[in-house]
Amino acid sequence: ALELGKYGIRVNSVNPTVVMTPISSGHWSQPHVAEPFLKQMPLGRWATEDEIAGPIVFLLSDTASMITGVSLPIDGGYTCR
């Protein structure tokens, strides 16, 4: 963001938690795998694809034209612990 801002290029990152998809659900839906993580997550559930896509669409939009240098966790509050 610091290097590319002068060219009008915004640099942001999205850092999601586990996204429940048909592929990931086989592993992450197992209670012995999921429960230790979900207990530490204030929202207590995994993200959906739409919950990750929405913030990405926003960051790509003109509405977010003044946002750069952001690392956005989409993790149900996991990283706030």
PDB file of N, CA and C in Angstrom:
ATOM      1  N   ALA A   1       0.828  -1.187   0.000  1.00  0.00           N
ATOM      2  CA  ALA A   1       0.000   0.000   0.000  1.00  0.00           C
ATOM      3  C   ALA A   1       0.873   1.251   0.000  1.00  0.00           C
ATOM      4  N   LEU A   2       1.933   1.242   0.785  1.00  0.00           N
ATOM      5  CA  LEU A   2       2.811   2.412   0.847  1.00  0.00           C
ATOM      6  C   LEU A   2       3.515   2.661  -0.479  1.00  0.00           C
ATOM      7  N   GLU A   3       3.942   1.627  -1.131  1.00  0.00           N
ATOM      8  CA  GLU A   3       4.677   1.781  -2.380  1.00  0.00           C
ATOM      9  C   GLU A   3       3.777   2.056  -3.574  1.00  0.00           C
ATOM     10  N   LEU A   4       2.581   1.497  -3.587  1.00  0.00           N
ATOM     11  CA  LEU A   4       1.738   1.561  -4.783  1.00  0.00           C
ATOM     12  C   LEU A   4       0.651   2.622  -4.723  1.00  0.00           C
ATOM     13  N   GLY A   5       0.420   3.201  -3.553  1.00  0.00           N
ATOM     14  CA  GLY A   5      -0.623   4.210  -3.420  1.00  0.00           C
ATOM     15  C   GLY A   5      -0.440   5.380  -4.368  1.00  0.00           C
ATOM     16  N   LYS A   6       0.791   5.796  -4.583  1.00  0.00           N
ATOM     17  CA  LYS A   6       1.044   6.944  -5.467  1.00  0.00           C
ATOM     18  C   LYS A   6       0.618   6.674  -6.911  1.00  0.00           C
ATOM     19  N   TYR A   7       0.403   5.410  -7.251  1.00  0.00           N
ATOM     20  CA  TYR A   7      -0.077   5.041  -8.583  1.00  0.00           C
ATOM     21  C   TYR A   7      -1.581   4.782  -8.599  1.00  0.00           C
ATOM     22  N   GLY A   8      -2.230   5.051  -7.489  1.00  0.00           N
ATOM     23  CA  GLY A   8      -3.671   4.811  -7.393  1.00  0.00           C
ATOM     24  C   GLY A   8      -4.027   3.348  -7.185  1.00  0.00           C
ATOM     25  N   ILE A   9      -3.051   2.560  -6.798  1.00  0.00           N
ATOM     26  CA  ILE A   9      -3.286   1.131  -6.579  1.00  0.00           C
ATOM     27  C   ILE A   9      -3.490   0.887  -5.093  1.00  0.00           C
ATOM     28  N   ARG A  10      -4.612   0.288  -4.763  1.00  0.00           N
ATOM     29  CA  ARG A  10      -4.920  -0.052  -3.377  1.00  0.00           C
ATOM     30  C   ARG A  10      -4.515  -1.494  -3.107  1.00  0.00           C
ATOM     31  N   VAL A  11      -3.985  -1.734  -1.926  1.00  0.00           N
ATOM     32  CA  VAL A  11      -3.540  -3.074  -1.546  1.00  0.00           C
ATOM     33  C   VAL A  11      -4.198  -3.439  -0.220  1.00  0.00           C
ATOM     34  N   ASN A  12      -5.029  -4.449  -0.254  1.00  0.00           N
ATOM     35  CA  ASN A  12      -5.713  -4.939   0.937  1.00  0.00           C
ATOM     36  C   ASN A  12      -5.666  -6.459   0.923  1.00  0.00           C
ATOM     37  N   SER A  13      -5.877  -7.052   2.077  1.00  0.00           N
ATOM     38  CA  SER A  13      -5.969  -8.509   2.126  1.00  0.00           C
ATOM     39  C   SER A  13      -7.182  -8.913   2.942  1.00  0.00           C
ATOM     40  N   VAL A  14      -7.719 -10.053   2.602  1.00  0.00           N
ATOM     41  CA  VAL A  14      -8.842 -10.646   3.329  1.00  0.00           C
ATOM     42  C   VAL A  14      -8.328 -11.957   3.910  1.00  0.00           C
ATOM     43  N   ASN A  15      -8.545 -12.131   5.208  1.00  0.00           N
ATOM     44  CA  ASN A  15      -8.018 -13.299   5.915  1.00  0.00           C
ATOM     45  C   ASN A  15      -9.174 -14.071   6.539  1.00  0.00           C
ATOM     46  N   PRO A  16      -9.727 -15.009   5.791  1.00  0.00           N
ATOM     47  CA  PRO A  16     -10.905 -15.722   6.294  1.00  0.00           C
ATOM     48  C   PRO A  16     -10.561 -16.887   7.216  1.00  0.00           C
ATOM     49  N   THR A  17     -11.547 -17.255   7.987  1.00  0.00           N
ATOM     50  CA  THR A  17     -11.502 -18.488   8.749  1.00  0.00           C
ATOM     51  C   THR A  17     -11.812 -19.635   7.790  1.00  0.00           C
ATOM     52  N   VAL A  18     -12.064 -20.781   8.310  1.00  0.00           N
ATOM     53  CA  VAL A  18     -12.508 -21.905   7.486  1.00  0.00           C
ATOM     54  C   VAL A  18     -13.818 -21.508   6.815  1.00  0.00           C
ATOM     55  N   VAL A  19     -13.892 -21.749   5.524  1.00  0.00           N
ATOM     56  CA  VAL A  19     -15.115 -21.488   4.765  1.00  0.00           C
ATOM     57  C   VAL A  19     -15.762 -22.838   4.491  1.00  0.00           C
ATOM     58  N   MET A  20     -16.988 -22.983   4.933  1.00  0.00           N
ATOM     59  CA  MET A  20     -17.665 -24.268   4.793  1.00  0.00           C
ATOM     60  C   MET A  20     -18.158 -24.432   3.354  1.00  0.00           C
ATOM     61  N   THR A  21     -17.522 -25.337   2.648  1.00  0.00           N
ATOM     62  CA  THR A  21     -17.870 -25.686   1.276  1.00  0.00           C
ATOM     63  C   THR A  21     -18.082 -27.197   1.230  1.00  0.00           C
ATOM     64  N   PRO A  22     -18.578 -27.713   0.120  1.00  0.00           N
ATOM     65  CA  PRO A  22     -18.717 -29.167   0.036  1.00  0.00           C
ATOM     66  C   PRO A  22     -17.391 -29.907   0.265  1.00  0.00           C
ATOM     67  N   ILE A  23     -16.294 -29.326  -0.169  1.00  0.00           N
ATOM     68  CA  ILE A  23     -14.997 -29.984   0.007  1.00  0.00           C
ATOM     69  C   ILE A  23     -14.520 -29.897   1.459  1.00  0.00           C
ATOM     70  N   SER A  24     -14.612 -28.716   2.061  1.00  0.00           N
ATOM     71  CA  SER A  24     -14.090 -28.549   3.425  1.00  0.00           C
ATOM     72  C   SER A  24     -14.984 -29.164   4.490  1.00  0.00           C
ATOM     73  N   SER A  25     -16.254 -29.321   4.196  1.00  0.00           N
ATOM     74  CA  SER A  25     -17.180 -29.808   5.227  1.00  0.00           C
ATOM     75  C   SER A  25     -16.869 -31.234   5.674  1.00  0.00           C
ATOM     76  N   GLY A  26     -16.292 -32.039   4.797  1.00  0.00           N
ATOM     77  CA  GLY A  26     -15.950 -33.404   5.178  1.00  0.00           C
ATOM     78  C   GLY A  26     -14.985 -33.455   6.350  1.00  0.00           C
ATOM     79  N   HIS A  27     -14.072 -32.522   6.385  1.00  0.00           N
ATOM     80  CA  HIS A  27     -13.085 -32.478   7.468  1.00  0.00           C
ATOM     81  C   HIS A  27     -13.570 -31.627   8.640  1.00  0.00           C
ATOM     82  N   TRP A  28     -13.980 -30.396   8.355  1.00  0.00           N
ATOM     83  CA  TRP A  28     -14.272 -29.432   9.418  1.00  0.00           C
ATOM     84  C   TRP A  28     -15.609 -29.638  10.106  1.00  0.00           C
ATOM     85  N   SER A  29     -16.458 -30.502   9.585  1.00  0.00           N
ATOM     86  CA  SER A  29     -17.732 -30.759  10.267  1.00  0.00           C
ATOM     87  C   SER A  29     -17.604 -31.867  11.310  1.00  0.00           C
ATOM     88  N   GLN A  30     -16.455 -32.506  11.384  1.00  0.00           N
ATOM     89  CA  GLN A  30     -16.235 -33.532  12.400  1.00  0.00           C
ATOM     90  C   GLN A  30     -16.079 -32.851  13.765  1.00  0.00           C
ATOM     91  N   PRO A  31     -16.888 -33.234  14.742  1.00  0.00           N
ATOM     92  CA  PRO A  31     -16.846 -32.554  16.046  1.00  0.00           C
ATOM     93  C   PRO A  31     -15.463 -32.501  16.692  1.00  0.00           C
ATOM     94  N   HIS A  32     -14.702 -33.582  16.610  1.00  0.00           N
ATOM     95  CA  HIS A  32     -13.384 -33.579  17.259  1.00  0.00           C
ATOM     96  C   HIS A  32     -12.401 -32.627  16.586  1.00  0.00           C
ATOM     97  N   VAL A  33     -12.657 -32.287  15.334  1.00  0.00           N
ATOM     98  CA  VAL A  33     -11.817 -31.330  14.618  1.00  0.00           C
ATOM     99  C   VAL A  33     -12.325 -29.911  14.855  1.00  0.00           C
ATOM    100  N   ALA A  34     -13.628 -29.713  14.724  1.00  0.00           N
ATOM    101  CA  ALA A  34     -14.210 -28.373  14.757  1.00  0.00           C
ATOM    102  C   ALA A  34     -14.312 -27.767  16.150  1.00  0.00           C
ATOM    103  N   GLU A  35     -14.723 -28.550  17.121  1.00  0.00           N
ATOM    104  CA  GLU A  35     -15.046 -27.992  18.441  1.00  0.00           C
ATOM    105  C   GLU A  35     -13.922 -27.196  19.096  1.00  0.00           C
ATOM    106  N   PRO A  36     -12.671 -27.647  19.063  1.00  0.00           N
ATOM    107  CA  PRO A  36     -11.625 -26.835  19.701  1.00  0.00           C
ATOM    108  C   PRO A  36     -11.503 -25.427  19.107  1.00  0.00           C
ATOM    109  N   PHE A  37     -11.710 -25.308  17.803  1.00  0.00           N
ATOM    110  CA  PHE A  37     -11.633 -24.002  17.154  1.00  0.00           C
ATOM    111  C   PHE A  37     -12.889 -23.180  17.421  1.00  0.00           C
ATOM    112  N   LEU A  38     -14.045 -23.802  17.260  1.00  0.00           N
ATOM    113  CA  LEU A  38     -15.306 -23.078  17.406  1.00  0.00           C
ATOM    114  C   LEU A  38     -15.515 -22.567  18.826  1.00  0.00           C
ATOM    115  N   LYS A  39     -14.981 -23.257  19.809  1.00  0.00           N
ATOM    116  CA  LYS A  39     -15.093 -22.792  21.196  1.00  0.00           C
ATOM    117  C   LYS A  39     -14.345 -21.481  21.412  1.00  0.00           C
ATOM    118  N   GLN A  40     -13.330 -21.240  20.618  1.00  0.00           N
ATOM    119  CA  GLN A  40     -12.540 -20.014  20.734  1.00  0.00           C
ATOM    120  C   GLN A  40     -13.063 -18.884  19.853  1.00  0.00           C
ATOM    121  N   MET A  41     -14.055 -19.167  19.040  1.00  0.00           N
ATOM    122  CA  MET A  41     -14.597 -18.198  18.100  1.00  0.00           C
ATOM    123  C   MET A  41     -15.884 -17.601  18.678  1.00  0.00           C
ATOM    124  N   PRO A  42     -15.915 -16.288  18.972  1.00  0.00           N
ATOM    125  CA  PRO A  42     -17.104 -15.695  19.565  1.00  0.00           C
ATOM    126  C   PRO A  42     -18.403 -15.994  18.814  1.00  0.00           C
ATOM    127  N   LEU A  43     -18.368 -16.025  17.497  1.00  0.00           N
ATOM    128  CA  LEU A  43     -19.596 -16.331  16.752  1.00  0.00           C
ATOM    129  C   LEU A  43     -19.886 -17.821  16.704  1.00  0.00           C
ATOM    130  N   GLY A  44     -18.903 -18.654  16.991  1.00  0.00           N
ATOM    131  CA  GLY A  44     -19.110 -20.084  17.159  1.00  0.00           C
ATOM    132  C   GLY A  44     -19.527 -20.869  15.937  1.00  0.00           C
ATOM    133  N   ARG A  45     -19.148 -20.393  14.751  1.00  0.00           N
ATOM    134  CA  ARG A  45     -19.495 -21.130  13.527  1.00  0.00           C
ATOM    135  C   ARG A  45     -18.503 -20.768  12.432  1.00  0.00           C
ATOM    136  N   TRP A  46     -18.485 -21.602  11.405  1.00  0.00           N
ATOM    137  CA  TRP A  46     -17.633 -21.330  10.257  1.00  0.00           C
ATOM    138  C   TRP A  46     -18.319 -20.339   9.325  1.00  0.00           C
ATOM    139  N   ALA A  47     -17.535 -19.734   8.462  1.00  0.00           N
ATOM    140  CA  ALA A  47     -18.063 -18.779   7.490  1.00  0.00           C
ATOM    141  C   ALA A  47     -18.664 -19.504   6.288  1.00  0.00           C
ATOM    142  N   THR A  48     -19.573 -18.808   5.629  1.00  0.00           N
ATOM    143  CA  THR A  48     -20.097 -19.285   4.349  1.00  0.00           C
ATOM    144  C   THR A  48     -19.337 -18.574   3.229  1.00  0.00           C
ATOM    145  N   GLU A  49     -19.460 -19.093   2.042  1.00  0.00           N
ATOM    146  CA  GLU A  49     -18.806 -18.463   0.894  1.00  0.00           C
ATOM    147  C   GLU A  49     -19.278 -17.027   0.714  1.00  0.00           C
ATOM    148  N   ASP A  50     -20.572 -16.787   0.884  1.00  0.00           N
ATOM    149  CA  ASP A  50     -21.114 -15.435   0.722  1.00  0.00           C
ATOM    150  C   ASP A  50     -20.569 -14.468   1.768  1.00  0.00           C
ATOM    151  N   GLU A  51     -20.318 -14.966   2.970  1.00  0.00           N
ATOM    152  CA  GLU A  51     -19.791 -14.096   4.025  1.00  0.00           C
ATOM    153  C   GLU A  51     -18.351 -13.669   3.752  1.00  0.00           C
ATOM    154  N   ILE A  52     -17.655 -14.412   2.943  1.00  0.00           N
ATOM    155  CA  ILE A  52     -16.304 -14.028   2.536  1.00  0.00           C
ATOM    156  C   ILE A  52     -16.363 -13.179   1.266  1.00  0.00           C
ATOM    157  N   ALA A  53     -17.220 -13.544   0.351  1.00  0.00           N
ATOM    158  CA  ALA A  53     -17.318 -12.824  -0.922  1.00  0.00           C
ATOM    159  C   ALA A  53     -17.804 -11.391  -0.739  1.00  0.00           C
ATOM    160  N   GLY A  54     -18.757 -11.168   0.165  1.00  0.00           N
ATOM    161  CA  GLY A  54     -19.315  -9.824   0.354  1.00  0.00           C
ATOM    162  C   GLY A  54     -18.267  -8.772   0.684  1.00  0.00           C
ATOM    163  N   PRO A  55     -17.437  -8.988   1.694  1.00  0.00           N
ATOM    164  CA  PRO A  55     -16.391  -8.008   1.991  1.00  0.00           C
ATOM    165  C   PRO A  55     -15.377  -7.836   0.860  1.00  0.00           C
ATOM    166  N   ILE A  56     -15.109  -8.901   0.117  1.00  0.00           N
ATOM    167  CA  ILE A  56     -14.199  -8.780  -1.025  1.00  0.00           C
ATOM    168  C   ILE A  56     -14.811  -7.881  -2.086  1.00  0.00           C
ATOM    169  N   VAL A  57     -16.078  -8.101  -2.387  1.00  0.00           N
ATOM    170  CA  VAL A  57     -16.769  -7.254  -3.370  1.00  0.00           C
ATOM    171  C   VAL A  57     -16.739  -5.801  -2.915  1.00  0.00           C
ATOM    172  N   PHE A  58     -16.985  -5.575  -1.622  1.00  0.00           N
ATOM    173  CA  PHE A  58     -16.931  -4.211  -1.091  1.00  0.00           C
ATOM    174  C   PHE A  58     -15.547  -3.602  -1.291  1.00  0.00           C
ATOM    175  N   LEU A  59     -14.488  -4.324  -0.919  1.00  0.00           N
ATOM    176  CA  LEU A  59     -13.140  -3.778  -1.061  1.00  0.00           C
ATOM    177  C   LEU A  59     -12.779  -3.488  -2.514  1.00  0.00           C
ATOM    178  N   LEU A  60     -13.369  -4.214  -3.439  1.00  0.00           N
ATOM    179  CA  LEU A  60     -13.116  -3.981  -4.861  1.00  0.00           C
ATOM    180  C   LEU A  60     -13.951  -2.844  -5.436  1.00  0.00           C
ATOM    181  N   SER A  61     -14.943  -2.390  -4.697  1.00  0.00           N
ATOM    182  CA  SER A  61     -15.873  -1.385  -5.212  1.00  0.00           C
ATOM    183  C   SER A  61     -15.330   0.034  -5.053  1.00  0.00           C
ATOM    184  N   ASP A  62     -15.947   0.956  -5.788  1.00  0.00           N
ATOM    185  CA  ASP A  62     -15.600   2.370  -5.666  1.00  0.00           C
ATOM    186  C   ASP A  62     -15.933   2.916  -4.284  1.00  0.00           C
ATOM    187  N   THR A  63     -16.885   2.305  -3.607  1.00  0.00           N
ATOM    188  CA  THR A  63     -17.252   2.737  -2.260  1.00  0.00           C
ATOM    189  C   THR A  63     -16.063   2.627  -1.312  1.00  0.00           C
ATOM    190  N   ALA A  64     -15.162   1.704  -1.580  1.00  0.00           N
ATOM    191  CA  ALA A  64     -13.990   1.492  -0.731  1.00  0.00           C
ATOM    192  C   ALA A  64     -12.741   2.162  -1.298  1.00  0.00           C
ATOM    193  N   SER A  65     -12.917   3.165  -2.128  1.00  0.00           N
ATOM    194  CA  SER A  65     -11.777   3.763  -2.830  1.00  0.00           C
ATOM    195  C   SER A  65     -10.747   4.424  -1.916  1.00  0.00           C
ATOM    196  N   MET A  66     -11.081   4.706  -0.675  1.00  0.00           N
ATOM    197  CA  MET A  66     -10.121   5.291   0.266  1.00  0.00           C
ATOM    198  C   MET A  66      -9.554   4.261   1.237  1.00  0.00           C
ATOM    199  N   ILE A  67      -9.843   3.001   1.002  1.00  0.00           N
ATOM    200  CA  ILE A  67      -9.345   1.955   1.893  1.00  0.00           C
ATOM    201  C   ILE A  67      -8.143   1.282   1.243  1.00  0.00           C
ATOM    202  N   THR A  68      -7.014   1.361   1.911  1.00  0.00           N
ATOM    203  CA  THR A  68      -5.809   0.671   1.457  1.00  0.00           C
ATOM    204  C   THR A  68      -4.954   0.320   2.667  1.00  0.00           C
ATOM    205  N   GLY A  69      -4.183  -0.716   2.540  1.00  0.00           N
ATOM    206  CA  GLY A  69      -3.325  -1.148   3.633  1.00  0.00           C
ATOM    207  C   GLY A  69      -4.050  -1.904   4.725  1.00  0.00           C
ATOM    208  N   VAL A  70      -5.218  -2.432   4.403  1.00  0.00           N
ATOM    209  CA  VAL A  70      -6.048  -3.116   5.399  1.00  0.00           C
ATOM    210  C   VAL A  70      -5.874  -4.629   5.293  1.00  0.00           C
ATOM    211  N   SER A  71      -5.745  -5.252   6.428  1.00  0.00           N
ATOM    212  CA  SER A  71      -5.767  -6.705   6.523  1.00  0.00           C
ATOM    213  C   SER A  71      -7.037  -7.052   7.288  1.00  0.00           C
ATOM    214  N   LEU A  72      -8.040  -7.556   6.590  1.00  0.00           N
ATOM    215  CA  LEU A  72      -9.377  -7.747   7.153  1.00  0.00           C
ATOM    216  C   LEU A  72      -9.609  -9.196   7.558  1.00  0.00           C
ATOM    217  N   PRO A  73      -9.637  -9.467   8.859  1.00  0.00           N
ATOM    218  CA  PRO A  73      -9.981 -10.825   9.282  1.00  0.00           C
ATOM    219  C   PRO A  73     -11.486 -11.045   9.176  1.00  0.00           C
ATOM    220  N   ILE A  74     -11.862 -12.145   8.578  1.00  0.00           N
ATOM    221  CA  ILE A  74     -13.272 -12.545   8.524  1.00  0.00           C
ATOM    222  C   ILE A  74     -13.310 -13.913   9.189  1.00  0.00           C
ATOM    223  N   ASP A  75     -13.320 -13.869  10.505  1.00  0.00           N
ATOM    224  CA  ASP A  75     -13.072 -15.091  11.258  1.00  0.00           C
ATOM    225  C   ASP A  75     -13.989 -15.275  12.459  1.00  0.00           C
ATOM    226  N   GLY A  76     -15.111 -14.620  12.459  1.00  0.00           N
ATOM    227  CA  GLY A  76     -16.058 -14.793  13.552  1.00  0.00           C
ATOM    228  C   GLY A  76     -15.538 -14.332  14.900  1.00  0.00           C
ATOM    229  N   GLY A  77     -14.534 -13.464  14.878  1.00  0.00           N
ATOM    230  CA  GLY A  77     -13.970 -12.944  16.106  1.00  0.00           C
ATOM    231  C   GLY A  77     -12.798 -13.735  16.662  1.00  0.00           C
ATOM    232  N   TYR A  78     -12.350 -14.747  15.939  1.00  0.00           N
ATOM    233  CA  TYR A  78     -11.266 -15.609  16.424  1.00  0.00           C
ATOM    234  C   TYR A  78     -10.011 -14.815  16.789  1.00  0.00           C
ATOM    235  N   THR A  79      -9.626 -13.865  15.939  1.00  0.00           N
ATOM    236  CA  THR A  79      -8.376 -13.141  16.176  1.00  0.00           C
ATOM    237  C   THR A  79      -8.495 -12.058  17.242  1.00  0.00           C
ATOM    238  N   CYS A  80      -9.682 -11.773  17.720  1.00  0.00           N
ATOM    239  CA  CYS A  80      -9.807 -10.754  18.770  1.00  0.00           C
ATOM    240  C   CYS A  80      -9.502 -11.328  20.141  1.00  0.00           C
ATOM    241  N   ARG A  81      -9.294 -12.597  20.240  1.00  0.00           N
ATOM    242  CA  ARG A  81      -8.998 -13.249  21.528  1.00  0.00           C
ATOM    243  C   ARG A  81      -7.565 -13.050  21.934  1.00  0.00           C
TER     244      ARG A  81
END
